[in-house]
């Protein structure tokens, strides 16, 4: 009954991310704090710190989530998946970018 909540969250490398960032159909979310994002955020990414209301994100688009190392983005992906969103975690985060 709850199997869909435990399905593995897909992830991609920062190298794969760089190839996708031109795609206007995809949504890119940075879940770091506002100050971290201001310090070295990527302009294609919308800043929605961990704990934000992710229910406003569209269910019909692919969402790619980044943080500093990959831990917060993984937690955010789990929250988003529970909302029925199509999410992919970016492994290694900005440390790897």
PDB file of N, CA and C in Angstrom:
ATOM      1  N   UNK A   1       0.818  -1.198   0.000  1.00  0.00           N
ATOM      2  CA  UNK A   1       0.000   0.000   0.000  1.00  0.00           C
ATOM      3  C   UNK A   1       0.862   1.262   0.000  1.00  0.00           C
ATOM      4  N   UNK A   2       1.964   1.265   0.766  1.00  0.00           N
ATOM      5  CA  UNK A   2       2.823   2.449   0.817  1.00  0.00           C
ATOM      6  C   UNK A   2       4.086   2.262  -0.016  1.00  0.00           C
ATOM      7  N   UNK A   3       4.110   1.268  -0.867  1.00  0.00           N
ATOM      8  CA  UNK A   3       5.288   0.955  -1.659  1.00  0.00           C
ATOM      9  C   UNK A   3       5.830   2.117  -2.469  1.00  0.00           C
ATOM     10  N   UNK A   4       4.928   2.958  -2.990  1.00  0.00           N
ATOM     11  CA  UNK A   4       5.374   4.081  -3.817  1.00  0.00           C
ATOM     12  C   UNK A   4       6.201   5.080  -3.016  1.00  0.00           C
ATOM     13  N   UNK A   5       6.043   5.123  -1.699  1.00  0.00           N
ATOM     14  CA  UNK A   5       6.818   6.066  -0.885  1.00  0.00           C
ATOM     15  C   UNK A   5       8.255   5.596  -0.704  1.00  0.00           C
ATOM     16  N   UNK A   6       8.470   4.294  -0.874  1.00  0.00           N
ATOM     17  CA  UNK A   6       9.796   3.742  -0.619  1.00  0.00           C
ATOM     18  C   UNK A   6      10.574   3.459  -1.891  1.00  0.00           C
ATOM     19  N   UNK A   7       9.999   3.809  -3.034  1.00  0.00           N
ATOM     20  CA  UNK A   7      10.724   3.594  -4.279  1.00  0.00           C
ATOM     21  C   UNK A   7      11.953   4.489  -4.286  1.00  0.00           C
ATOM     22  N   UNK A   8      13.020   3.978  -4.863  1.00  0.00           N
ATOM     23  CA  UNK A   8      14.284   4.702  -4.872  1.00  0.00           C
ATOM     24  C   UNK A   8      14.162   6.002  -5.663  1.00  0.00           C
ATOM     25  N   UNK A   9      14.753   7.041  -5.110  1.00  0.00           N
ATOM     26  CA  UNK A   9      14.727   8.339  -5.795  1.00  0.00           C
ATOM     27  C   UNK A   9      15.861   8.358  -6.819  1.00  0.00           C
ATOM     28  N   UNK A  10      15.547   8.631  -8.073  1.00  0.00           N
ATOM     29  CA  UNK A  10      16.610   8.671  -9.088  1.00  0.00           C
ATOM     30  C   UNK A  10      17.608   9.784  -8.794  1.00  0.00           C
ATOM     31  N   UNK A  11      18.845   9.582  -9.219  1.00  0.00           N
ATOM     32  CA  UNK A  11      19.848  10.632  -9.047  1.00  0.00           C
ATOM     33  C   UNK A  11      20.714  10.720 -10.297  1.00  0.00           C
ATOM     34  N   UNK A  12      21.277  11.904 -10.485  1.00  0.00           N
ATOM     35  CA  UNK A  12      22.186  12.129 -11.606  1.00  0.00           C
ATOM     36  C   UNK A  12      23.440  12.814 -11.073  1.00  0.00           C
ATOM     37  N   UNK A  13      24.481  12.781 -11.864  1.00  0.00           N
ATOM     38  CA  UNK A  13      25.730  13.462 -11.501  1.00  0.00           C
ATOM     39  C   UNK A  13      25.651  14.921 -11.942  1.00  0.00           C
ATOM     40  N   UNK A  14      26.571  15.726 -11.431  1.00  0.00           N
ATOM     41  CA  UNK A  14      26.601  17.136 -11.841  1.00  0.00           C
ATOM     42  C   UNK A  14      26.998  17.254 -13.310  1.00  0.00           C
ATOM     43  N   UNK A  15      27.742  16.296 -13.824  1.00  0.00           N
ATOM     44  CA  UNK A  15      28.101  16.292 -15.248  1.00  0.00           C
ATOM     45  C   UNK A  15      26.841  16.120 -16.093  1.00  0.00           C
ATOM     46  N   UNK A  16      25.987  15.171 -15.697  1.00  0.00           N
ATOM     47  CA  UNK A  16      24.726  14.962 -16.416  1.00  0.00           C
ATOM     48  C   UNK A  16      23.840  16.205 -16.285  1.00  0.00           C
ATOM     49  N   UNK A  17      23.863  16.838 -15.123  1.00  0.00           N
ATOM     50  CA  UNK A  17      23.069  18.039 -14.891  1.00  0.00           C
ATOM     51  C   UNK A  17      23.432  19.142 -15.877  1.00  0.00           C
ATOM     52  N   UNK A  18      24.723  19.351 -16.085  1.00  0.00           N
ATOM     53  CA  UNK A  18      25.182  20.435 -16.967  1.00  0.00           C
ATOM     54  C   UNK A  18      24.598  20.292 -18.369  1.00  0.00           C
ATOM     55  N   UNK A  19      24.414  19.047 -18.811  1.00  0.00           N
ATOM     56  CA  UNK A  19      23.848  18.810 -20.148  1.00  0.00           C
ATOM     57  C   UNK A  19      22.349  19.132 -20.181  1.00  0.00           C
ATOM     58  N   UNK A  20      21.671  19.034 -19.046  1.00  0.00           N
ATOM     59  CA  UNK A  20      20.215  19.217 -18.999  1.00  0.00           C
ATOM     60  C   UNK A  20      19.776  20.637 -18.708  1.00  0.00           C
ATOM     61  N   UNK A  21      20.658  21.461 -18.196  1.00  0.00           N
ATOM     62  CA  UNK A  21      20.245  22.759 -17.686  1.00  0.00           C
ATOM     63  C   UNK A  21      19.679  23.713 -18.733  1.00  0.00           C
ATOM     64  N   UNK A  22      19.854  23.405 -20.000  1.00  0.00           N
ATOM     65  CA  UNK A  22      19.294  24.260 -21.045  1.00  0.00           C
ATOM     66  C   UNK A  22      17.821  23.935 -21.311  1.00  0.00           C
ATOM     67  N   UNK A  23      17.353  22.796 -20.782  1.00  0.00           N
ATOM     68  CA  UNK A  23      15.992  22.322 -21.044  1.00  0.00           C
ATOM     69  C   UNK A  23      14.978  23.154 -20.253  1.00  0.00           C
ATOM     70  N   UNK A  24      14.198  23.963 -20.966  1.00  0.00           N
ATOM     71  CA  UNK A  24      13.213  24.850 -20.342  1.00  0.00           C
ATOM     72  C   UNK A  24      12.035  24.083 -19.733  1.00  0.00           C
ATOM     73  N   UNK A  25      11.874  22.816 -20.104  1.00  0.00           N
ATOM     74  CA  UNK A  25      10.751  22.018 -19.599  1.00  0.00           C
ATOM     75  C   UNK A  25      11.027  21.448 -18.207  1.00  0.00           C
ATOM     76  N   UNK A  26      12.281  21.490 -17.775  1.00  0.00           N
ATOM     77  CA  UNK A  26      12.656  20.939 -16.477  1.00  0.00           C
ATOM     78  C   UNK A  26      12.692  22.049 -15.430  1.00  0.00           C
ATOM     79  N   UNK A  27      12.473  21.660 -14.191  1.00  0.00           N
ATOM     80  CA  UNK A  27      12.513  22.626 -13.082  1.00  0.00           C
ATOM     81  C   UNK A  27      13.699  22.271 -12.195  1.00  0.00           C
ATOM     82  N   UNK A  28      14.461  23.294 -11.824  1.00  0.00           N
ATOM     83  CA  UNK A  28      15.647  23.104 -11.002  1.00  0.00           C
ATOM     84  C   UNK A  28      15.460  23.835  -9.679  1.00  0.00           C
ATOM     85  N   UNK A  29      15.615  23.091  -8.567  1.00  0.00           N
ATOM     86  CA  UNK A  29      15.389  23.641  -7.232  1.00  0.00           C
ATOM     87  C   UNK A  29      16.659  23.488  -6.398  1.00  0.00           C
ATOM     88  N   UNK A  30      17.051  24.572  -5.727  1.00  0.00           N
ATOM     89  CA  UNK A  30      18.193  24.588  -4.810  1.00  0.00           C
ATOM     90  C   UNK A  30      17.608  24.678  -3.398  1.00  0.00           C
ATOM     91  N   UNK A  31      17.845  23.645  -2.566  1.00  0.00           N
ATOM     92  CA  UNK A  31      17.231  23.599  -1.235  1.00  0.00           C
ATOM     93  C   UNK A  31      18.162  24.106  -0.126  1.00  0.00           C
ATOM     94  N   UNK A  32      19.255  24.768  -0.508  1.00  0.00           N
ATOM     95  CA  UNK A  32      20.141  25.350   0.498  1.00  0.00           C
ATOM     96  C   UNK A  32      19.506  26.613   1.082  1.00  0.00           C
ATOM     97  N   UNK A  33      20.128  27.159   2.123  1.00  0.00           N
ATOM     98  CA  UNK A  33      19.615  28.390   2.729  1.00  0.00           C
ATOM     99  C   UNK A  33      19.723  29.539   1.725  1.00  0.00           C
ATOM    100  N   UNK A  34      18.983  30.598   1.974  1.00  0.00           N
ATOM    101  CA  UNK A  34      19.022  31.761   1.074  1.00  0.00           C
ATOM    102  C   UNK A  34      20.438  32.331   0.967  1.00  0.00           C
ATOM    103  N   UNK A  35      21.159  32.392   2.093  1.00  0.00           N
ATOM    104  CA  UNK A  35      22.518  32.962   2.041  1.00  0.00           C
ATOM    105  C   UNK A  35      23.470  32.058   1.254  1.00  0.00           C
ATOM    106  N   UNK A  36      23.337  30.734   1.395  1.00  0.00           N
ATOM    107  CA  UNK A  36      24.172  29.826   0.599  1.00  0.00           C
ATOM    108  C   UNK A  36      23.878  30.019  -0.888  1.00  0.00           C
ATOM    109  N   UNK A  37      22.593  30.121  -1.216  1.00  0.00           N
ATOM    110  CA  UNK A  37      22.181  30.294  -2.609  1.00  0.00           C
ATOM    111  C   UNK A  37      22.713  31.612  -3.165  1.00  0.00           C
ATOM    112  N   UNK A  38      22.596  32.694  -2.382  1.00  0.00           N
ATOM    113  CA  UNK A  38      23.097  34.001  -2.833  1.00  0.00           C
ATOM    114  C   UNK A  38      24.602  33.970  -3.044  1.00  0.00           C
ATOM    115  N   UNK A  39      25.297  33.211  -2.207  1.00  0.00           N
ATOM    116  CA  UNK A  39      26.762  33.139  -2.291  1.00  0.00           C
ATOM    117  C   UNK A  39      27.219  32.441  -3.578  1.00  0.00           C
ATOM    118  N   UNK A  40      26.606  31.322  -3.928  1.00  0.00           N
ATOM    119  CA  UNK A  40      27.030  30.623  -5.162  1.00  0.00           C
ATOM    120  C   UNK A  40      25.908  29.783  -5.768  1.00  0.00           C
ATOM    121  N   UNK A  41      24.752  30.422  -5.983  1.00  0.00           N
ATOM    122  CA  UNK A  41      23.650  29.715  -6.626  1.00  0.00           C
ATOM    123  C   UNK A  41      23.750  29.772  -8.142  1.00  0.00           C
ATOM    124  N   UNK A  42      23.134  28.805  -8.788  1.00  0.00           N
ATOM    125  CA  UNK A  42      23.085  28.769 -10.258  1.00  0.00           C
ATOM    126  C   UNK A  42      21.795  29.443 -10.691  1.00  0.00           C
ATOM    127  N   UNK A  43      21.869  30.323 -11.683  1.00  0.00           N
ATOM    128  CA  UNK A  43      20.696  31.130 -12.048  1.00  0.00           C
ATOM    129  C   UNK A  43      19.515  30.301 -12.548  1.00  0.00           C
ATOM    130  N   UNK A  44      19.760  29.091 -13.059  1.00  0.00           N
ATOM    131  CA  UNK A  44      18.662  28.240 -13.540  1.00  0.00           C
ATOM    132  C   UNK A  44      17.857  27.650 -12.378  1.00  0.00           C
ATOM    133  N   UNK A  45      18.413  27.723 -11.175  1.00  0.00           N
ATOM    134  CA  UNK A  45      17.784  27.112 -10.015  1.00  0.00           C
ATOM    135  C   UNK A  45      16.959  28.115  -9.226  1.00  0.00           C
ATOM    136  N   UNK A  46      15.791  27.671  -8.784  1.00  0.00           N
ATOM    137  CA  UNK A  46      14.953  28.473  -7.891  1.00  0.00           C
ATOM    138  C   UNK A  46      15.320  28.062  -6.473  1.00  0.00           C
ATOM    139  N   UNK A  47      15.516  29.034  -5.585  1.00  0.00           N
ATOM    140  CA  UNK A  47      15.870  28.735  -4.197  1.00  0.00           C
ATOM    141  C   UNK A  47      14.605  28.460  -3.387  1.00  0.00           C
ATOM    142  N   UNK A  48      14.489  27.220  -2.896  1.00  0.00           N
ATOM    143  CA  UNK A  48      13.400  26.810  -2.011  1.00  0.00           C
ATOM    144  C   UNK A  48      14.032  26.000  -0.890  1.00  0.00           C
ATOM    145  N   UNK A  49      14.510  26.674   0.170  1.00  0.00           N
ATOM    146  CA  UNK A  49      15.221  25.968   1.239  1.00  0.00           C
ATOM    147  C   UNK A  49      14.453  24.765   1.783  1.00  0.00           C
ATOM    148  N   UNK A  50      15.194  23.781   2.277  1.00  0.00           N
ATOM    149  CA  UNK A  50      14.600  22.576   2.851  1.00  0.00           C
ATOM    150  C   UNK A  50      13.533  22.988   3.854  1.00  0.00           C
ATOM    151  N   UNK A  51      12.360  22.382   3.751  1.00  0.00           N
ATOM    152  CA  UNK A  51      11.251  22.729   4.632  1.00  0.00           C
ATOM    153  C   UNK A  51      10.252  23.691   3.993  1.00  0.00           C
ATOM    154  N   UNK A  52      10.546  24.160   2.772  1.00  0.00           N
ATOM    155  CA  UNK A  52       9.619  25.045   2.055  1.00  0.00           C
ATOM    156  C   UNK A  52       8.360  24.272   1.673  1.00  0.00           C
ATOM    157  N   UNK A  53       7.351  24.999   1.212  1.00  0.00           N
ATOM    158  CA  UNK A  53       6.110  24.375   0.750  1.00  0.00           C
ATOM    159  C   UNK A  53       6.298  23.934  -0.704  1.00  0.00           C
ATOM    160  N   UNK A  54       6.607  22.661  -0.883  1.00  0.00           N
ATOM    161  CA  UNK A  54       6.868  22.137  -2.228  1.00  0.00           C
ATOM    162  C   UNK A  54       5.581  21.788  -2.977  1.00  0.00           C
ATOM    163  N   UNK A  55       4.431  21.907  -2.321  1.00  0.00           N
ATOM    164  CA  UNK A  55       3.169  21.544  -2.978  1.00  0.00           C
ATOM    165  C   UNK A  55       2.811  22.520  -4.098  1.00  0.00           C
ATOM    166  N   UNK A  56       3.519  23.658  -4.164  1.00  0.00           N
ATOM    167  CA  UNK A  56       3.253  24.642  -5.220  1.00  0.00           C
ATOM    168  C   UNK A  56       3.939  24.259  -6.535  1.00  0.00           C
ATOM    169  N   UNK A  57       4.821  23.278  -6.487  1.00  0.00           N
ATOM    170  CA  UNK A  57       5.556  22.858  -7.697  1.00  0.00           C
ATOM    171  C   UNK A  57       4.646  22.026  -8.599  1.00  0.00           C
ATOM    172  N   UNK A  58       4.829  22.136  -9.920  1.00  0.00           N
ATOM    173  CA  UNK A  58       3.959  21.403 -10.856  1.00  0.00           C
ATOM    174  C   UNK A  58       4.223  19.893 -10.857  1.00  0.00           C
ATOM    175  N   UNK A  59       3.139  19.137 -10.896  1.00  0.00           N
ATOM    176  CA  UNK A  59       3.247  17.666 -10.886  1.00  0.00           C
ATOM    177  C   UNK A  59       3.556  17.093 -12.263  1.00  0.00           C
ATOM    178  N   UNK A  60       3.453  17.922 -13.292  1.00  0.00           N
ATOM    179  CA  UNK A  60       3.629  17.415 -14.658  1.00  0.00           C
ATOM    180  C   UNK A  60       5.013  17.725 -15.237  1.00  0.00           C
ATOM    181  N   UNK A  61       5.950  18.171 -14.402  1.00  0.00           N
ATOM    182  CA  UNK A  61       7.298  18.497 -14.891  1.00  0.00           C
ATOM    183  C   UNK A  61       8.331  17.705 -14.102  1.00  0.00           C
ATOM    184  N   UNK A  62       9.485  17.498 -14.722  1.00  0.00           N
ATOM    185  CA  UNK A  62      10.598  16.854 -14.024  1.00  0.00           C
ATOM    186  C   UNK A  62      11.295  17.899 -13.171  1.00  0.00           C
ATOM    187  N   UNK A  63      11.561  17.548 -11.919  1.00  0.00           N
ATOM    188  CA  UNK A  63      12.186  18.471 -10.974  1.00  0.00           C
ATOM    189  C   UNK A  63      13.543  17.906 -10.552  1.00  0.00           C
ATOM    190  N   UNK A  64      14.568  18.737 -10.646  1.00  0.00           N
ATOM    191  CA  UNK A  64      15.928  18.356 -10.259  1.00  0.00           C
ATOM    192  C   UNK A  64      16.315  19.174  -9.043  1.00  0.00           C
ATOM    193  N   UNK A  65      16.809  18.480  -7.997  1.00  0.00           N
ATOM    194  CA  UNK A  65      17.041  19.121  -6.704  1.00  0.00           C
ATOM    195  C   UNK A  65      18.517  19.052  -6.318  1.00  0.00           C
ATOM    196  N   UNK A  66      19.061  20.215  -5.908  1.00  0.00           N
ATOM    197  CA  UNK A  66      20.471  20.295  -5.518  1.00  0.00           C
ATOM    198  C   UNK A  66      20.586  20.956  -4.145  1.00  0.00           C
ATOM    199  N   UNK A  67      21.679  20.636  -3.425  1.00  0.00           N
ATOM    200  CA  UNK A  67      22.036  21.329  -2.187  1.00  0.00           C
ATOM    201  C   UNK A  67      23.556  21.451  -2.181  1.00  0.00           C
ATOM    202  N   UNK A  68      24.180  21.494  -1.020  1.00  0.00           N
ATOM    203  CA  UNK A  68      25.636  21.632  -0.993  1.00  0.00           C
ATOM    204  C   UNK A  68      26.343  20.298  -1.241  1.00  0.00           C
ATOM    205  N   UNK A  69      25.872  19.226  -0.558  1.00  0.00           N
ATOM    206  CA  UNK A  69      26.570  17.939  -0.668  1.00  0.00           C
ATOM    207  C   UNK A  69      25.699  16.793  -1.170  1.00  0.00           C
ATOM    208  N   UNK A  70      24.389  16.971  -1.155  1.00  0.00           N
ATOM    209  CA  UNK A  70      23.483  15.912  -1.605  1.00  0.00           C
ATOM    210  C   UNK A  70      22.580  15.375  -0.511  1.00  0.00           C
ATOM    211  N   UNK A  71      22.828  15.723   0.746  1.00  0.00           N
ATOM    212  CA  UNK A  71      22.017  15.210   1.853  1.00  0.00           C
ATOM    213  C   UNK A  71      20.665  15.934   1.972  1.00  0.00           C
ATOM    214  N   UNK A  72      20.688  17.257   1.986  1.00  0.00           N
ATOM    215  CA  UNK A  72      19.423  18.009   2.086  1.00  0.00           C
ATOM    216  C   UNK A  72      18.564  17.798   0.854  1.00  0.00           C
ATOM    217  N   UNK A  73      19.205  17.715  -0.312  1.00  0.00           N
ATOM    218  CA  UNK A  73      18.414  17.514  -1.531  1.00  0.00           C
ATOM    219  C   UNK A  73      17.741  16.143  -1.509  1.00  0.00           C
ATOM    220  N   UNK A  74      18.408  15.146  -0.939  1.00  0.00           N
ATOM    221  CA  UNK A  74      17.810  13.816  -0.836  1.00  0.00           C
ATOM    222  C   UNK A  74      16.577  13.873   0.079  1.00  0.00           C
ATOM    223  N   UNK A  75      16.706  14.586   1.202  1.00  0.00           N
ATOM    224  CA  UNK A  75      15.571  14.743   2.128  1.00  0.00           C
ATOM    225  C   UNK A  75      14.424  15.491   1.445  1.00  0.00           C
ATOM    226  N   UNK A  76      14.751  16.542   0.702  1.00  0.00           N
ATOM    227  CA  UNK A  76      13.727  17.314  -0.011  1.00  0.00           C
ATOM    228  C   UNK A  76      13.053  16.451  -1.070  1.00  0.00           C
ATOM    229  N   UNK A  77      13.829  15.632  -1.766  1.00  0.00           N
ATOM    230  CA  UNK A  77      13.265  14.740  -2.786  1.00  0.00           C
ATOM    231  C   UNK A  77      12.237  13.795  -2.173  1.00  0.00           C
ATOM    232  N   UNK A  78      12.539  13.274  -0.973  1.00  0.00           N
ATOM    233  CA  UNK A  78      11.587  12.376  -0.302  1.00  0.00           C
ATOM    234  C   UNK A  78      10.288  13.119  -0.004  1.00  0.00           C
ATOM    235  N   UNK A  79      10.394  14.366   0.468  1.00  0.00           N
ATOM    236  CA  UNK A  79       9.196  15.168   0.749  1.00  0.00           C
ATOM    237  C   UNK A  79       8.405  15.419  -0.537  1.00  0.00           C
ATOM    238  N   UNK A  80       9.114  15.750  -1.607  1.00  0.00           N
ATOM    239  CA  UNK A  80       8.456  16.052  -2.884  1.00  0.00           C
ATOM    240  C   UNK A  80       7.795  14.816  -3.471  1.00  0.00           C
ATOM    241  N   UNK A  81       8.459  13.668  -3.348  1.00  0.00           N
ATOM    242  CA  UNK A  81       7.914  12.422  -3.885  1.00  0.00           C
ATOM    243  C   UNK A  81       6.592  12.086  -3.198  1.00  0.00           C
ATOM    244  N   UNK A  82       6.510  12.347  -1.897  1.00  0.00           N
ATOM    245  CA  UNK A  82       5.262  12.096  -1.151  1.00  0.00           C
ATOM    246  C   UNK A  82       4.127  12.968  -1.679  1.00  0.00           C
ATOM    247  N   UNK A  83       4.471  14.103  -2.283  1.00  0.00           N
ATOM    248  CA  UNK A  83       3.465  15.001  -2.867  1.00  0.00           C
ATOM    249  C   UNK A  83       3.105  14.595  -4.296  1.00  0.00           C
ATOM    250  N   UNK A  84       3.740  13.532  -4.789  1.00  0.00           N
ATOM    251  CA  UNK A  84       3.452  13.061  -6.136  1.00  0.00           C
ATOM    252  C   UNK A  84       4.259  13.742  -7.226  1.00  0.00           C
ATOM    253  N   UNK A  85       5.350  14.393  -6.840  1.00  0.00           N
ATOM    254  CA  UNK A  85       6.183  15.095  -7.819  1.00  0.00           C
ATOM    255  C   UNK A  85       7.221  14.155  -8.422  1.00  0.00           C
ATOM    256  N   UNK A  86       7.650  14.461  -9.638  1.00  0.00           N
ATOM    257  CA  UNK A  86       8.672  13.672 -10.342  1.00  0.00           C
ATOM    258  C   UNK A  86      10.029  14.302 -10.043  1.00  0.00           C
ATOM    259  N   UNK A  87      10.776  13.713  -9.117  1.00  0.00           N
ATOM    260  CA  UNK A  87      12.021  14.324  -8.652  1.00  0.00           C
ATOM    261  C   UNK A  87      13.254  13.487  -8.953  1.00  0.00           C
ATOM    262  N   UNK A  88      14.370  14.194  -9.115  1.00  0.00           N
ATOM    263  CA  UNK A  88      15.676  13.570  -9.276  1.00  0.00           C
ATOM    264  C   UNK A  88      16.655  14.332  -8.402  1.00  0.00           C
ATOM    265  N   UNK A  89      17.437  13.599  -7.621  1.00  0.00           N
ATOM    266  CA  UNK A  89      18.445  14.199  -6.753  1.00  0.00           C
ATOM    267  C   UNK A  89      19.745  14.394  -7.542  1.00  0.00           C
ATOM    268  N   UNK A  90      20.450  15.480  -7.265  1.00  0.00           N
ATOM    269  CA  UNK A  90      21.745  15.724  -7.913  1.00  0.00           C
ATOM    270  C   UNK A  90      22.839  15.328  -6.926  1.00  0.00           C
ATOM    271  N   UNK A  91      23.494  14.201  -7.229  1.00  0.00           N
ATOM    272  CA  UNK A  91      24.521  13.634  -6.352  1.00  0.00           C
ATOM    273  C   UNK A  91      25.700  14.578  -6.170  1.00  0.00           C
ATOM    274  N   UNK A  92      26.141  14.721  -4.918  1.00  0.00           N
ATOM    275  CA  UNK A  92      27.331  15.509  -4.640  1.00  0.00           C
ATOM    276  C   UNK A  92      27.082  16.994  -4.544  1.00  0.00           C
ATOM    277  N   UNK A  93      25.922  17.449  -5.005  1.00  0.00           N
ATOM    278  CA  UNK A  93      25.542  18.852  -4.890  1.00  0.00           C
ATOM    279  C   UNK A  93      26.547  19.835  -5.453  1.00  0.00           C
ATOM    280  N   UNK A  94      26.524  21.038  -4.877  1.00  0.00           N
ATOM    281  CA  UNK A  94      27.390  22.103  -5.351  1.00  0.00           C
ATOM    282  C   UNK A  94      28.874  21.787  -5.099  1.00  0.00           C
ATOM    283  N   UNK A  95      29.144  20.896  -4.138  1.00  0.00           N
ATOM    284  CA  UNK A  95      30.543  20.494  -3.899  1.00  0.00           C
ATOM    285  C   UNK A  95      31.144  19.838  -5.144  1.00  0.00           C
ATOM    286  N   UNK A  96      30.306  19.164  -5.929  1.00  0.00           N
ATOM    287  CA  UNK A  96      30.772  18.471  -7.118  1.00  0.00           C
ATOM    288  C   UNK A  96      30.642  19.313  -8.386  1.00  0.00           C
ATOM    289  N   UNK A  97      29.879  20.404  -8.302  1.00  0.00           N
ATOM    290  CA  UNK A  97      29.569  21.161  -9.511  1.00  0.00           C
ATOM    291  C   UNK A  97      30.782  21.886 -10.070  1.00  0.00           C
TER     292      UNK A  97
END
